[in-house]
Amino acid sequence: QVHLVESGGGLVQAGGSLRLSCAASGRTASTWTMGWFRQAPGKDREFVAAITWNGDRLYYADSVKGRFTISRDNAKNTVYLQMNSLKLEDTAVYSCTTDPTTSGVVGGRSRYWGQGTQVTVSS
């Protein structure tokens, strides 16, 4: 079993920054790909970013490239999402996920998900 807990969400003005964290516990979490998804009200959940277990490959949605950066600290079993130049359309619940396969994470087919943390961007 893998348990994921997100933190760092909040209210920020457009153009501002936030850093989300996701702490993982349980079996082999440090050797799995980890990622972030988001879901805005009335919209489908969408992929945001993913990182392989050793950080050698990073994946981003086109909508966040150049603004968001994903990273991880395997010693802490934690993945981060640094969000800069936030826009109104970034408002959503951001959820962390992990899976043994990168395709599972990027495709949203992961077995393990966190509860999510709310990010609200105001004008």
PDB file of N, CA and C in Angstrom:
ATOM      1  N   GLN A   1       0.849  -1.195   0.000  1.00  0.00           N
ATOM      2  CA  GLN A   1       0.000   0.000   0.000  1.00  0.00           C
ATOM      3  C   GLN A   1       0.884   1.244   0.000  1.00  0.00           C
ATOM      4  N   VAL A   2       0.470   2.258  -0.769  1.00  0.00           N
ATOM      5  CA  VAL A   2       1.173   3.529  -0.823  1.00  0.00           C
ATOM      6  C   VAL A   2       0.206   4.620  -0.407  1.00  0.00           C
ATOM      7  N   HIS A   3       0.671   5.503   0.461  1.00  0.00           N
ATOM      8  CA  HIS A   3      -0.150   6.605   0.951  1.00  0.00           C
ATOM      9  C   HIS A   3       0.482   7.914   0.513  1.00  0.00           C
ATOM     10  N   LEU A   4      -0.331   8.805  -0.075  1.00  0.00           N
ATOM     11  CA  LEU A   4       0.164  10.082  -0.590  1.00  0.00           C
ATOM     12  C   LEU A   4      -0.550  11.233   0.100  1.00  0.00           C
ATOM     13  N   VAL A   5       0.216  12.221   0.545  1.00  0.00           N
ATOM     14  CA  VAL A   5      -0.372  13.378   1.216  1.00  0.00           C
ATOM     15  C   VAL A   5       0.193  14.650   0.598  1.00  0.00           C
ATOM     16  N   GLU A   6      -0.710  15.448   0.017  1.00  0.00           N
ATOM     17  CA  GLU A   6      -0.304  16.699  -0.597  1.00  0.00           C
ATOM     18  C   GLU A   6      -0.394  17.856   0.391  1.00  0.00           C
ATOM     19  N   SER A   7       0.396  18.889   0.130  1.00  0.00           N
ATOM     20  CA  SER A   7       0.338  20.116   0.918  1.00  0.00           C
ATOM     21  C   SER A   7       0.844  21.262   0.063  1.00  0.00           C
ATOM     22  N   GLY A   8       0.601  22.487   0.528  1.00  0.00           N
ATOM     23  CA  GLY A   8       1.138  23.656  -0.144  1.00  0.00           C
ATOM     24  C   GLY A   8       0.159  24.443  -0.974  1.00  0.00           C
ATOM     25  N   GLY A   9      -1.059  23.955  -1.086  1.00  0.00           N
ATOM     26  CA  GLY A   9      -2.042  24.702  -1.845  1.00  0.00           C
ATOM     27  C   GLY A   9      -2.471  25.965  -1.121  1.00  0.00           C
ATOM     28  N   GLY A  10      -3.236  26.796  -1.824  1.00  0.00           N
ATOM     29  CA  GLY A  10      -3.714  28.019  -1.202  1.00  0.00           C
ATOM     30  C   GLY A  10      -4.219  29.001  -2.226  1.00  0.00           C
ATOM     31  N   LEU A  11      -4.383  30.232  -1.770  1.00  0.00           N
ATOM     32  CA  LEU A  11      -4.871  31.328  -2.598  1.00  0.00           C
ATOM     33  C   LEU A  11      -3.696  32.212  -2.978  1.00  0.00           C
ATOM     34  N   VAL A  12      -3.573  32.505  -4.260  1.00  0.00           N
ATOM     35  CA  VAL A  12      -2.473  33.327  -4.746  1.00  0.00           C
ATOM     36  C   VAL A  12      -2.981  34.217  -5.870  1.00  0.00           C
ATOM     37  N   GLN A  13      -2.403  35.373  -6.006  1.00  0.00           N
ATOM     38  CA  GLN A  13      -2.785  36.268  -7.094  1.00  0.00           C
ATOM     39  C   GLN A  13      -2.163  35.819  -8.402  1.00  0.00           C
ATOM     40  N   ALA A  14      -2.803  36.154  -9.475  1.00  0.00           N
ATOM     41  CA  ALA A  14      -2.270  35.834 -10.796  1.00  0.00           C
ATOM     42  C   ALA A  14      -0.867  36.423 -10.925  1.00  0.00           C
ATOM     43  N   GLY A  15       0.016  35.600 -11.505  1.00  0.00           N
ATOM     44  CA  GLY A  15       1.408  35.997 -11.614  1.00  0.00           C
ATOM     45  C   GLY A  15       2.270  35.537 -10.461  1.00  0.00           C
ATOM     46  N   GLY A  16       1.641  35.062  -9.411  1.00  0.00           N
ATOM     47  CA  GLY A  16       2.370  34.610  -8.234  1.00  0.00           C
ATOM     48  C   GLY A  16       2.848  33.178  -8.358  1.00  0.00           C
ATOM     49  N   SER A  17       3.383  32.685  -7.241  1.00  0.00           N
ATOM     50  CA  SER A  17       3.969  31.338  -7.219  1.00  0.00           C
ATOM     51  C   SER A  17       3.478  30.546  -6.012  1.00  0.00           C
ATOM     52  N   LEU A  18       3.476  29.237  -6.170  1.00  0.00           N
ATOM     53  CA  LEU A  18       3.210  28.307  -5.081  1.00  0.00           C
ATOM     54  C   LEU A  18       4.078  27.079  -5.295  1.00  0.00           C
ATOM     55  N   ARG A  19       4.399  26.396  -4.205  1.00  0.00           N
ATOM     56  CA  ARG A  19       5.083  25.119  -4.319  1.00  0.00           C
ATOM     57  C   ARG A  19       4.269  24.056  -3.589  1.00  0.00           C
ATOM     58  N   LEU A  20       3.870  23.058  -4.350  1.00  0.00           N
ATOM     59  CA  LEU A  20       3.148  21.930  -3.780  1.00  0.00           C
ATOM     60  C   LEU A  20       4.123  20.821  -3.413  1.00  0.00           C
ATOM     61  N   SER A  21       3.774  20.111  -2.363  1.00  0.00           N
ATOM     62  CA  SER A  21       4.568  18.951  -1.945  1.00  0.00           C
ATOM     63  C   SER A  21       3.656  17.746  -1.830  1.00  0.00           C
ATOM     64  N   CYS A  22       4.229  16.586  -2.067  1.00  0.00           N
ATOM     65  CA  CYS A  22       3.494  15.334  -1.904  1.00  0.00           C
ATOM     66  C   CYS A  22       4.424  14.334  -1.247  1.00  0.00           C
ATOM     67  N   ALA A  23       4.079  13.945  -0.033  1.00  0.00           N
ATOM     68  CA  ALA A  23       4.874  12.978   0.706  1.00  0.00           C
ATOM     69  C   ALA A  23       4.285  11.584   0.518  1.00  0.00           C
ATOM     70  N   ALA A  24       5.131  10.659   0.145  1.00  0.00           N
ATOM     71  CA  ALA A  24       4.704   9.283  -0.093  1.00  0.00           C
ATOM     72  C   ALA A  24       5.236   8.365   0.992  1.00  0.00           C
ATOM     73  N   SER A  25       4.431   7.398   1.351  1.00  0.00           N
ATOM     74  CA  SER A  25       4.870   6.382   2.298  1.00  0.00           C
ATOM     75  C   SER A  25       4.382   5.036   1.819  1.00  0.00           C
ATOM     76  N   GLY A  26       5.131   4.004   2.166  1.00  0.00           N
ATOM     77  CA  GLY A  26       4.729   2.675   1.761  1.00  0.00           C
ATOM     78  C   GLY A  26       5.736   2.010   0.847  1.00  0.00           C
ATOM     79  N   ARG A  27       5.326   0.899   0.342  1.00  0.00           N
ATOM     80  CA  ARG A  27       6.241   0.066  -0.412  1.00  0.00           C
ATOM     81  C   ARG A  27       6.731   0.692  -1.695  1.00  0.00           C
ATOM     82  N   THR A  28       8.024   0.681  -1.896  1.00  0.00           N
ATOM     83  CA  THR A  28       8.727   1.047  -3.138  1.00  0.00           C
ATOM     84  C   THR A  28       8.344   2.411  -3.697  1.00  0.00           C
ATOM     85  N   ALA A  29       7.797   3.281  -2.892  1.00  0.00           N
ATOM     86  CA  ALA A  29       7.379   4.579  -3.417  1.00  0.00           C
ATOM     87  C   ALA A  29       8.543   5.345  -4.021  1.00  0.00           C
ATOM     88  N   SER A  30       9.733   5.193  -3.463  1.00  0.00           N
ATOM     89  CA  SER A  30      10.873   5.965  -3.947  1.00  0.00           C
ATOM     90  C   SER A  30      11.382   5.483  -5.297  1.00  0.00           C
ATOM     91  N   THR A  31      10.942   4.318  -5.743  1.00  0.00           N
ATOM     92  CA  THR A  31      11.415   3.799  -7.026  1.00  0.00           C
ATOM     93  C   THR A  31      10.353   3.872  -8.112  1.00  0.00           C
ATOM     94  N   TRP A  32       9.273   4.513  -7.826  1.00  0.00           N
ATOM     95  CA  TRP A  32       8.194   4.639  -8.801  1.00  0.00           C
ATOM     96  C   TRP A  32       8.152   6.033  -9.405  1.00  0.00           C
ATOM     97  N   THR A  33       7.578   6.139 -10.584  1.00  0.00           N
ATOM     98  CA  THR A  33       7.307   7.434 -11.190  1.00  0.00           C
ATOM     99  C   THR A  33       6.229   8.155 -10.368  1.00  0.00           C
ATOM    100  N   MET A  34       6.386   9.454 -10.236  1.00  0.00           N
ATOM    101  CA  MET A  34       5.389  10.241  -9.513  1.00  0.00           C
ATOM    102  C   MET A  34       4.915  11.385 -10.395  1.00  0.00           C
ATOM    103  N   GLY A  35       3.727  11.854 -10.142  1.00  0.00           N
ATOM    104  CA  GLY A  35       3.193  12.897 -10.992  1.00  0.00           C
ATOM    105  C   GLY A  35       2.101  13.705 -10.317  1.00  0.00           C
ATOM    106  N   TRP A  36       1.668  14.714 -11.049  1.00  0.00           N
ATOM    107  CA  TRP A  36       0.592  15.598 -10.594  1.00  0.00           C
ATOM    108  C   TRP A  36      -0.488  15.693 -11.665  1.00  0.00           C
ATOM    109  N   PHE A  37      -1.709  15.673 -11.207  1.00  0.00           N
ATOM    110  CA  PHE A  37      -2.869  15.947 -12.035  1.00  0.00           C
ATOM    111  C   PHE A  37      -3.648  17.085 -11.382  1.00  0.00           C
ATOM    112  N   ARG A  38      -4.553  17.666 -12.135  1.00  0.00           N
ATOM    113  CA  ARG A  38      -5.431  18.682 -11.562  1.00  0.00           C
ATOM    114  C   ARG A  38      -6.822  18.545 -12.146  1.00  0.00           C
ATOM    115  N   GLN A  39      -7.784  19.018 -11.353  1.00  0.00           N
ATOM    116  CA  GLN A  39      -9.164  19.001 -11.812  1.00  0.00           C
ATOM    117  C   GLN A  39      -9.848  20.283 -11.379  1.00  0.00           C
ATOM    118  N   ALA A  40     -10.306  21.025 -12.373  1.00  0.00           N
ATOM    119  CA  ALA A  40     -11.044  22.254 -12.127  1.00  0.00           C
ATOM    120  C   ALA A  40     -12.531  21.929 -12.073  1.00  0.00           C
ATOM    121  N   PRO A  41     -13.335  22.775 -11.423  1.00  0.00           N
ATOM    122  CA  PRO A  41     -14.772  22.520 -11.330  1.00  0.00           C
ATOM    123  C   PRO A  41     -15.402  22.358 -12.704  1.00  0.00           C
ATOM    124  N   GLY A  42     -16.145  21.284 -12.861  1.00  0.00           N
ATOM    125  CA  GLY A  42     -16.850  21.053 -14.111  1.00  0.00           C
ATOM    126  C   GLY A  42     -15.989  20.539 -15.244  1.00  0.00           C
ATOM    127  N   LYS A  43     -14.724  20.255 -14.958  1.00  0.00           N
ATOM    128  CA  LYS A  43     -13.822  19.774 -16.001  1.00  0.00           C
ATOM    129  C   LYS A  43     -13.261  18.408 -15.639  1.00  0.00           C
ATOM    130  N   ASP A  44     -12.754  17.726 -16.646  1.00  0.00           N
ATOM    131  CA  ASP A  44     -12.117  16.434 -16.417  1.00  0.00           C
ATOM    132  C   ASP A  44     -10.757  16.637 -15.759  1.00  0.00           C
ATOM    133  N   ARG A  45     -10.317  15.608 -15.077  1.00  0.00           N
ATOM    134  CA  ARG A  45      -8.976  15.632 -14.510  1.00  0.00           C
ATOM    135  C   ARG A  45      -7.965  15.653 -15.652  1.00  0.00           C
ATOM    136  N   GLU A  46      -6.916  16.453 -15.507  1.00  0.00           N
ATOM    137  CA  GLU A  46      -5.918  16.550 -16.561  1.00  0.00           C
ATOM    138  C   GLU A  46      -4.512  16.392 -16.004  1.00  0.00           C
ATOM    139  N   PHE A  47      -3.658  15.812 -16.823  1.00  0.00           N
ATOM    140  CA  PHE A  47      -2.265  15.612 -16.471  1.00  0.00           C
ATOM    141  C   PHE A  47      -1.554  16.957 -16.394  1.00  0.00           C
ATOM    142  N   VAL A  48      -0.665  17.099 -15.404  1.00  0.00           N
ATOM    143  CA  VAL A  48       0.122  18.311 -15.248  1.00  0.00           C
ATOM    144  C   VAL A  48       1.612  18.031 -15.472  1.00  0.00           C
ATOM    145  N   ALA A  49       2.166  17.093 -14.704  1.00  0.00           N
ATOM    146  CA  ALA A  49       3.601  16.826 -14.791  1.00  0.00           C
ATOM    147  C   ALA A  49       3.918  15.466 -14.176  1.00  0.00           C
ATOM    148  N   ALA A  50       5.048  14.890 -14.595  1.00  0.00           N
ATOM    149  CA  ALA A  50       5.501  13.620 -14.030  1.00  0.00           C
ATOM    150  C   ALA A  50       7.023  13.579 -14.029  1.00  0.00           C
ATOM    151  N   ILE A  51       7.549  12.749 -13.129  1.00  0.00           N
ATOM    152  CA  ILE A  51       8.996  12.601 -13.012  1.00  0.00           C
ATOM    153  C   ILE A  51       9.310  11.138 -12.722  1.00  0.00           C
ATOM    154  N   THR A  52      10.290  10.589 -13.433  1.00  0.00           N
ATOM    155  CA  THR A  52      10.690   9.207 -13.199  1.00  0.00           C
ATOM    156  C   THR A  52      11.402   9.083 -11.856  1.00  0.00           C
ATOM    157  N   TRP A  53      11.616   7.857 -11.424  1.00  0.00           N
ATOM    158  CA  TRP A  53      12.091   7.654 -10.068  1.00  0.00           C
ATOM    159  C   TRP A  53      13.444   8.297  -9.797  1.00  0.00           C
ATOM    160  N   ASN A  54      14.307   8.349 -10.815  1.00  0.00           N
ATOM    161  CA  ASN A  54      15.622   8.950 -10.596  1.00  0.00           C
ATOM    162  C   ASN A  54      15.708  10.357 -11.178  1.00  0.00           C
ATOM    163  N   GLY A  55      14.580  10.870 -11.645  1.00  0.00           N
ATOM    164  CA  GLY A  55      14.544  12.238 -12.140  1.00  0.00           C
ATOM    165  C   GLY A  55      15.158  12.442 -13.508  1.00  0.00           C
ATOM    166  N   ASP A  56      15.440  11.346 -14.223  1.00  0.00           N
ATOM    167  CA  ASP A  56      16.118  11.512 -15.516  1.00  0.00           C
ATOM    168  C   ASP A  56      15.160  11.925 -16.631  1.00  0.00           C
ATOM    169  N   ARG A  57      13.884  11.752 -16.390  1.00  0.00           N
ATOM    170  CA  ARG A  57      12.900  12.167 -17.395  1.00  0.00           C
ATOM    171  C   ARG A  57      11.777  12.935 -16.729  1.00  0.00           C
ATOM    172  N   LEU A  58      11.444  14.062 -17.345  1.00  0.00           N
ATOM    173  CA  LEU A  58      10.372  14.924 -16.862  1.00  0.00           C
ATOM    174  C   LEU A  58       9.331  15.062 -17.971  1.00  0.00           C
ATOM    175  N   TYR A  59       8.085  15.131 -17.578  1.00  0.00           N
ATOM    176  CA  TYR A  59       6.983  15.259 -18.526  1.00  0.00           C
ATOM    177  C   TYR A  59       6.076  16.398 -18.051  1.00  0.00           C
ATOM    178  N   TYR A  60       5.646  17.216 -19.006  1.00  0.00           N
ATOM    179  CA  TYR A  60       4.790  18.345 -18.671  1.00  0.00           C
ATOM    180  C   TYR A  60       3.646  18.461 -19.675  1.00  0.00           C
ATOM    181  N   ALA A  61       2.515  18.915 -19.190  1.00  0.00           N
ATOM    182  CA  ALA A  61       1.437  19.318 -20.084  1.00  0.00           C
ATOM    183  C   ALA A  61       1.861  20.601 -20.780  1.00  0.00           C
ATOM    184  N   ASP A  62       1.408  20.767 -22.007  1.00  0.00           N
ATOM    185  CA  ASP A  62       1.770  21.976 -22.762  1.00  0.00           C
ATOM    186  C   ASP A  62       1.341  23.242 -22.035  1.00  0.00           C
ATOM    187  N   SER A  63       0.241  23.165 -21.326  1.00  0.00           N
ATOM    188  CA  SER A  63      -0.316  24.346 -20.676  1.00  0.00           C
ATOM    189  C   SER A  63       0.547  24.846 -19.521  1.00  0.00           C
ATOM    190  N   VAL A  64       1.471  24.030 -19.025  1.00  0.00           N
ATOM    191  CA  VAL A  64       2.279  24.460 -17.883  1.00  0.00           C
ATOM    192  C   VAL A  64       3.765  24.525 -18.202  1.00  0.00           C
ATOM    193  N   LYS A  65       4.155  24.099 -19.390  1.00  0.00           N
ATOM    194  CA  LYS A  65       5.583  24.125 -19.751  1.00  0.00           C
ATOM    195  C   LYS A  65       6.145  25.530 -19.632  1.00  0.00           C
ATOM    196  N   GLY A  66       7.327  25.605 -19.029  1.00  0.00           N
ATOM    197  CA  GLY A  66       7.982  26.894 -18.850  1.00  0.00           C
ATOM    198  C   GLY A  66       7.540  27.638 -17.615  1.00  0.00           C
ATOM    199  N   ARG A  67       6.461  27.169 -16.968  1.00  0.00           N
ATOM    200  CA  ARG A  67       5.961  27.834 -15.758  1.00  0.00           C
ATOM    201  C   ARG A  67       6.061  26.924 -14.535  1.00  0.00           C
ATOM    202  N   PHE A  68       5.830  25.637 -14.722  1.00  0.00           N
ATOM    203  CA  PHE A  68       5.847  24.673 -13.621  1.00  0.00           C
ATOM    204  C   PHE A  68       7.099  23.812 -13.720  1.00  0.00           C
ATOM    205  N   THR A  69       7.613  23.417 -12.557  1.00  0.00           N
ATOM    206  CA  THR A  69       8.763  22.524 -12.497  1.00  0.00           C
ATOM    207  C   THR A  69       8.499  21.418 -11.481  1.00  0.00           C
ATOM    208  N   ILE A  70       8.642  20.183 -11.920  1.00  0.00           N
ATOM    209  CA  ILE A  70       8.484  19.042 -11.023  1.00  0.00           C
ATOM    210  C   ILE A  70       9.857  18.546 -10.589  1.00  0.00           C
ATOM    211  N   SER A  71       9.959  18.145  -9.336  1.00  0.00           N
ATOM    212  CA  SER A  71      11.212  17.612  -8.817  1.00  0.00           C
ATOM    213  C   SER A  71      10.888  16.625  -7.704  1.00  0.00           C
ATOM    214  N   ARG A  72      11.882  15.888  -7.252  1.00  0.00           N
ATOM    215  CA  ARG A  72      11.641  14.934  -6.178  1.00  0.00           C
ATOM    216  C   ARG A  72      12.879  14.773  -5.320  1.00  0.00           C
ATOM    217  N   ASP A  73      12.633  14.390  -4.071  1.00  0.00           N
ATOM    218  CA  ASP A  73      13.701  14.090  -3.127  1.00  0.00           C
ATOM    219  C   ASP A  73      13.419  12.682  -2.615  1.00  0.00           C
ATOM    220  N   ASN A  74      14.136  11.707  -3.139  1.00  0.00           N
ATOM    221  CA  ASN A  74      13.846  10.317  -2.777  1.00  0.00           C
ATOM    222  C   ASN A  74      14.213   9.997  -1.331  1.00  0.00           C
ATOM    223  N   ALA A  75      15.147  10.754  -0.778  1.00  0.00           N
ATOM    224  CA  ALA A  75      15.485  10.538   0.628  1.00  0.00           C
ATOM    225  C   ALA A  75      14.305  10.872   1.524  1.00  0.00           C
ATOM    226  N   LYS A  76      13.468  11.800   1.056  1.00  0.00           N
ATOM    227  CA  LYS A  76      12.278  12.204   1.803  1.00  0.00           C
ATOM    228  C   LYS A  76      11.002  11.608   1.221  1.00  0.00           C
ATOM    229  N   ASN A  77      11.128  10.810   0.154  1.00  0.00           N
ATOM    230  CA  ASN A  77       9.948  10.261  -0.526  1.00  0.00           C
ATOM    231  C   ASN A  77       8.934  11.345  -0.845  1.00  0.00           C
ATOM    232  N   THR A  78       9.428  12.448  -1.358  1.00  0.00           N
ATOM    233  CA  THR A  78       8.577  13.607  -1.606  1.00  0.00           C
ATOM    234  C   THR A  78       8.780  14.120  -3.029  1.00  0.00           C
ATOM    235  N   VAL A  79       7.673  14.473  -3.656  1.00  0.00           N
ATOM    236  CA  VAL A  79       7.715  15.105  -4.975  1.00  0.00           C
ATOM    237  C   VAL A  79       7.166  16.518  -4.828  1.00  0.00           C
ATOM    238  N   TYR A  80       7.722  17.440  -5.595  1.00  0.00           N
ATOM    239  CA  TYR A  80       7.354  18.839  -5.512  1.00  0.00           C
ATOM    240  C   TYR A  80       6.845  19.328  -6.865  1.00  0.00           C
ATOM    241  N   LEU A  81       6.018  20.346  -6.817  1.00  0.00           N
ATOM    242  CA  LEU A  81       5.593  21.030  -8.030  1.00  0.00           C
ATOM    243  C   LEU A  81       5.716  22.526  -7.771  1.00  0.00           C
ATOM    244  N   GLN A  82       6.747  23.121  -8.359  1.00  0.00           N
ATOM    245  CA  GLN A  82       6.937  24.561  -8.268  1.00  0.00           C
ATOM    246  C   GLN A  82       6.128  25.218  -9.380  1.00  0.00           C
ATOM    247  N   MET A  83       5.202  26.072  -8.986  1.00  0.00           N
ATOM    248  CA  MET A  83       4.310  26.712  -9.951  1.00  0.00           C
ATOM    249  C   MET A  83       4.573  28.210  -9.950  1.00  0.00           C
ATOM    250  N   ASN A  84       5.035  28.713 -11.070  1.00  0.00           N
ATOM    251  CA  ASN A  84       5.314  30.135 -11.228  1.00  0.00           C
ATOM    252  C   ASN A  84       4.394  30.739 -12.282  1.00  0.00           C
ATOM    253  N   SER A  85       4.325  32.059 -12.278  1.00  0.00           N
ATOM    254  CA  SER A  85       3.497  32.778 -13.262  1.00  0.00           C
ATOM    255  C   SER A  85       2.103  32.186 -13.332  1.00  0.00           C
ATOM    256  N   LEU A  86       1.490  32.001 -12.188  1.00  0.00           N
ATOM    257  CA  LEU A  86       0.188  31.355 -12.131  1.00  0.00           C
ATOM    258  C   LEU A  86      -0.874  32.177 -12.824  1.00  0.00           C
ATOM    259  N   LYS A  87      -1.787  31.475 -13.491  1.00  0.00           N
ATOM    260  CA  LYS A  87      -2.873  32.082 -14.222  1.00  0.00           C
ATOM    261  C   LYS A  87      -4.197  31.680 -13.593  1.00  0.00           C
ATOM    262  N   LEU A  88      -5.239  32.438 -13.911  1.00  0.00           N
ATOM    263  CA  LEU A  88      -6.569  32.116 -13.389  1.00  0.00           C
ATOM    264  C   LEU A  88      -6.955  30.684 -13.740  1.00  0.00           C
ATOM    265  N   GLU A  89      -6.594  30.254 -14.939  1.00  0.00           N
ATOM    266  CA  GLU A  89      -6.973  28.920 -15.394  1.00  0.00           C
ATOM    267  C   GLU A  89      -6.204  27.794 -14.726  1.00  0.00           C
ATOM    268  N   ASP A  90      -5.248  28.127 -13.871  1.00  0.00           N
ATOM    269  CA  ASP A  90      -4.553  27.103 -13.089  1.00  0.00           C
ATOM    270  C   ASP A  90      -5.327  26.723 -11.834  1.00  0.00           C
ATOM    271  N   THR A  91      -6.398  27.431 -11.557  1.00  0.00           N
ATOM    272  CA  THR A  91      -7.225  27.117 -10.393  1.00  0.00           C
ATOM    273  C   THR A  91      -7.801  25.716 -10.522  1.00  0.00           C
ATOM    274  N   ALA A  92      -7.534  24.879  -9.518  1.00  0.00           N
ATOM    275  CA  ALA A  92      -7.977  23.489  -9.551  1.00  0.00           C
ATOM    276  C   ALA A  92      -7.567  22.797  -8.255  1.00  0.00           C
ATOM    277  N   VAL A  93      -8.082  21.595  -8.088  1.00  0.00           N
ATOM    278  CA  VAL A  93      -7.569  20.711  -7.048  1.00  0.00           C
ATOM    279  C   VAL A  93      -6.415  19.914  -7.666  1.00  0.00           C
ATOM    280  N   TYR A  94      -5.263  19.975  -7.043  1.00  0.00           N
ATOM    281  CA  TYR A  94      -4.072  19.296  -7.553  1.00  0.00           C
ATOM    282  C   TYR A  94      -3.848  18.026  -6.738  1.00  0.00           C
ATOM    283  N   SER A  95      -3.725  16.921  -7.463  1.00  0.00           N
ATOM    284  CA  SER A  95      -3.554  15.631  -6.808  1.00  0.00           C
ATOM    285  C   SER A  95      -2.249  14.987  -7.241  1.00  0.00           C
ATOM    286  N   CYS A  96      -1.641  14.325  -6.292  1.00  0.00           N
ATOM    287  CA  CYS A  96      -0.401  13.603  -6.526  1.00  0.00           C
ATOM    288  C   CYS A  96      -0.725  12.139  -6.828  1.00  0.00           C
ATOM    289  N   THR A  97       0.090  11.522  -7.645  1.00  0.00           N
ATOM    290  CA  THR A  97      -0.133  10.132  -7.970  1.00  0.00           C
ATOM    291  C   THR A  97       1.194   9.422  -8.194  1.00  0.00           C
ATOM    292  N   THR A  98       1.183   8.108  -8.051  1.00  0.00           N
ATOM    293  CA  THR A  98       2.389   7.332  -8.274  1.00  0.00           C
ATOM    294  C   THR A  98       2.046   5.953  -8.811  1.00  0.00           C
ATOM    295  N   ASP A  99       2.976   5.410  -9.576  1.00  0.00           N
ATOM    296  CA  ASP A  99       2.765   4.116 -10.214  1.00  0.00           C
ATOM    297  C   ASP A  99       4.123   3.536 -10.572  1.00  0.00           C
ATOM    298  N   PRO A 100       4.217   2.213 -10.664  1.00  0.00           N
ATOM    299  CA  PRO A 100       5.495   1.627 -11.085  1.00  0.00           C
ATOM    300  C   PRO A 100       5.886   2.003 -12.508  1.00  0.00           C
ATOM    301  N   THR A 101       4.900   2.339 -13.341  1.00  0.00           N
ATOM    302  CA  THR A 101       5.205   2.667 -14.729  1.00  0.00           C
ATOM    303  C   THR A 101       4.942   4.138 -15.019  1.00  0.00           C
ATOM    304  N   THR A 102       5.791   4.704 -15.875  1.00  0.00           N
ATOM    305  CA  THR A 102       5.603   6.096 -16.291  1.00  0.00           C
ATOM    306  C   THR A 102       4.328   6.240 -17.102  1.00  0.00           C
ATOM    307  N   SER A 103       4.045   5.287 -17.952  1.00  0.00           N
ATOM    308  CA  SER A 103       2.827   5.361 -18.775  1.00  0.00           C
ATOM    309  C   SER A 103       1.587   5.345 -17.894  1.00  0.00           C
ATOM    310  N   GLY A 104       1.658   4.616 -16.795  1.00  0.00           N
ATOM    311  CA  GLY A 104       0.529   4.588 -15.879  1.00  0.00           C
ATOM    312  C   GLY A 104       0.267   5.944 -15.262  1.00  0.00           C
ATOM    313  N   VAL A 105       1.331   6.629 -14.889  1.00  0.00           N
ATOM    314  CA  VAL A 105       1.184   7.957 -14.289  1.00  0.00           C
ATOM    315  C   VAL A 105       0.701   8.954 -15.334  1.00  0.00           C
ATOM    316  N   VAL A 106       1.398   9.055 -16.443  1.00  0.00           N
ATOM    317  CA  VAL A 106       1.067  10.049 -17.464  1.00  0.00           C
ATOM    318  C   VAL A 106      -0.332   9.808 -18.021  1.00  0.00           C
ATOM    319  N   GLY A 107      -0.704   8.545 -18.106  1.00  0.00           N
ATOM    320  CA  GLY A 107      -2.025   8.210 -18.641  1.00  0.00           C
ATOM    321  C   GLY A 107      -3.134   8.281 -17.618  1.00  0.00           C
ATOM    322  N   GLY A 108      -2.810   8.621 -16.394  1.00  0.00           N
ATOM    323  CA  GLY A 108      -3.840   8.739 -15.374  1.00  0.00           C
ATOM    324  C   GLY A 108      -4.403   7.413 -14.912  1.00  0.00           C
ATOM    325  N   ARG A 109      -3.640   6.346 -15.101  1.00  0.00           N
ATOM    326  CA  ARG A 109      -4.125   5.015 -14.724  1.00  0.00           C
ATOM    327  C   ARG A 109      -3.474   4.497 -13.446  1.00  0.00           C
ATOM    328  N   SER A 110      -2.879   5.400 -12.689  1.00  0.00           N
ATOM    329  CA  SER A 110      -2.185   5.008 -11.469  1.00  0.00           C
ATOM    330  C   SER A 110      -3.147   4.389 -10.471  1.00  0.00           C
ATOM    331  N   ARG A 111      -2.597   3.515  -9.679  1.00  0.00           N
ATOM    332  CA  ARG A 111      -3.394   2.895  -8.638  1.00  0.00           C
ATOM    333  C   ARG A 111      -3.532   3.802  -7.417  1.00  0.00           C
ATOM    334  N   TYR A 112      -2.507   4.618  -7.166  1.00  0.00           N
ATOM    335  CA  TYR A 112      -2.465   5.384  -5.926  1.00  0.00           C
ATOM    336  C   TYR A 112      -2.583   6.886  -6.186  1.00  0.00           C
ATOM    337  N   TRP A 113      -3.460   7.508  -5.411  1.00  0.00           N
ATOM    338  CA  TRP A 113      -3.733   8.940  -5.536  1.00  0.00           C
ATOM    339  C   TRP A 113      -3.832   9.565  -4.157  1.00  0.00           C
ATOM    340  N   GLY A 114      -3.407  10.831  -4.059  1.00  0.00           N
ATOM    341  CA  GLY A 114      -3.624  11.578  -2.844  1.00  0.00           C
ATOM    342  C   GLY A 114      -5.009  12.200  -2.842  1.00  0.00           C
ATOM    343  N   GLN A 115      -5.340  12.862  -1.742  1.00  0.00           N
ATOM    344  CA  GLN A 115      -6.653  13.479  -1.604  1.00  0.00           C
ATOM    345  C   GLN A 115      -6.756  14.793  -2.358  1.00  0.00           C
ATOM    346  N   GLY A 116      -5.634  15.421  -2.615  1.00  0.00           N
ATOM    347  CA  GLY A 116      -5.649  16.661  -3.365  1.00  0.00           C
ATOM    348  C   GLY A 116      -5.495  17.888  -2.488  1.00  0.00           C
ATOM    349  N   THR A 117      -5.016  18.969  -3.095  1.00  0.00           N
ATOM    350  CA  THR A 117      -4.886  20.243  -2.408  1.00  0.00           C
ATOM    351  C   THR A 117      -5.384  21.337  -3.350  1.00  0.00           C
ATOM    352  N   GLN A 118      -6.156  22.253  -2.803  1.00  0.00           N
ATOM    353  CA  GLN A 118      -6.792  23.287  -3.613  1.00  0.00           C
ATOM    354  C   GLN A 118      -5.815  24.414  -3.917  1.00  0.00           C
ATOM    355  N   VAL A 119      -5.754  24.779  -5.182  1.00  0.00           N
ATOM    356  CA  VAL A 119      -5.007  25.954  -5.617  1.00  0.00           C
ATOM    357  C   VAL A 119      -6.003  26.910  -6.259  1.00  0.00           C
ATOM    358  N   THR A 120      -6.054  28.119  -5.742  1.00  0.00           N
ATOM    359  CA  THR A 120      -6.957  29.128  -6.276  1.00  0.00           C
ATOM    360  C   THR A 120      -6.157  30.354  -6.666  1.00  0.00           C
ATOM    361  N   VAL A 121      -6.273  30.727  -7.927  1.00  0.00           N
ATOM    362  CA  VAL A 121      -5.563  31.891  -8.445  1.00  0.00           C
ATOM    363  C   VAL A 121      -6.588  33.005  -8.658  1.00  0.00           C
ATOM    364  N   SER A 122      -6.340  34.143  -8.049  1.00  0.00           N
ATOM    365  CA  SER A 122      -7.273  35.263  -8.132  1.00  0.00           C
ATOM    366  C   SER A 122      -6.694  36.386  -8.987  1.00  0.00           C
ATOM    367  N   SER A 123      -7.590  37.197  -9.502  1.00  0.00           N
ATOM    368  CA  SER A 123      -7.163  38.313 -10.361  1.00  0.00           C
ATOM    369  C   SER A 123      -6.808  39.538  -9.541  1.00  0.00           C
TER     370      SER A 123
END
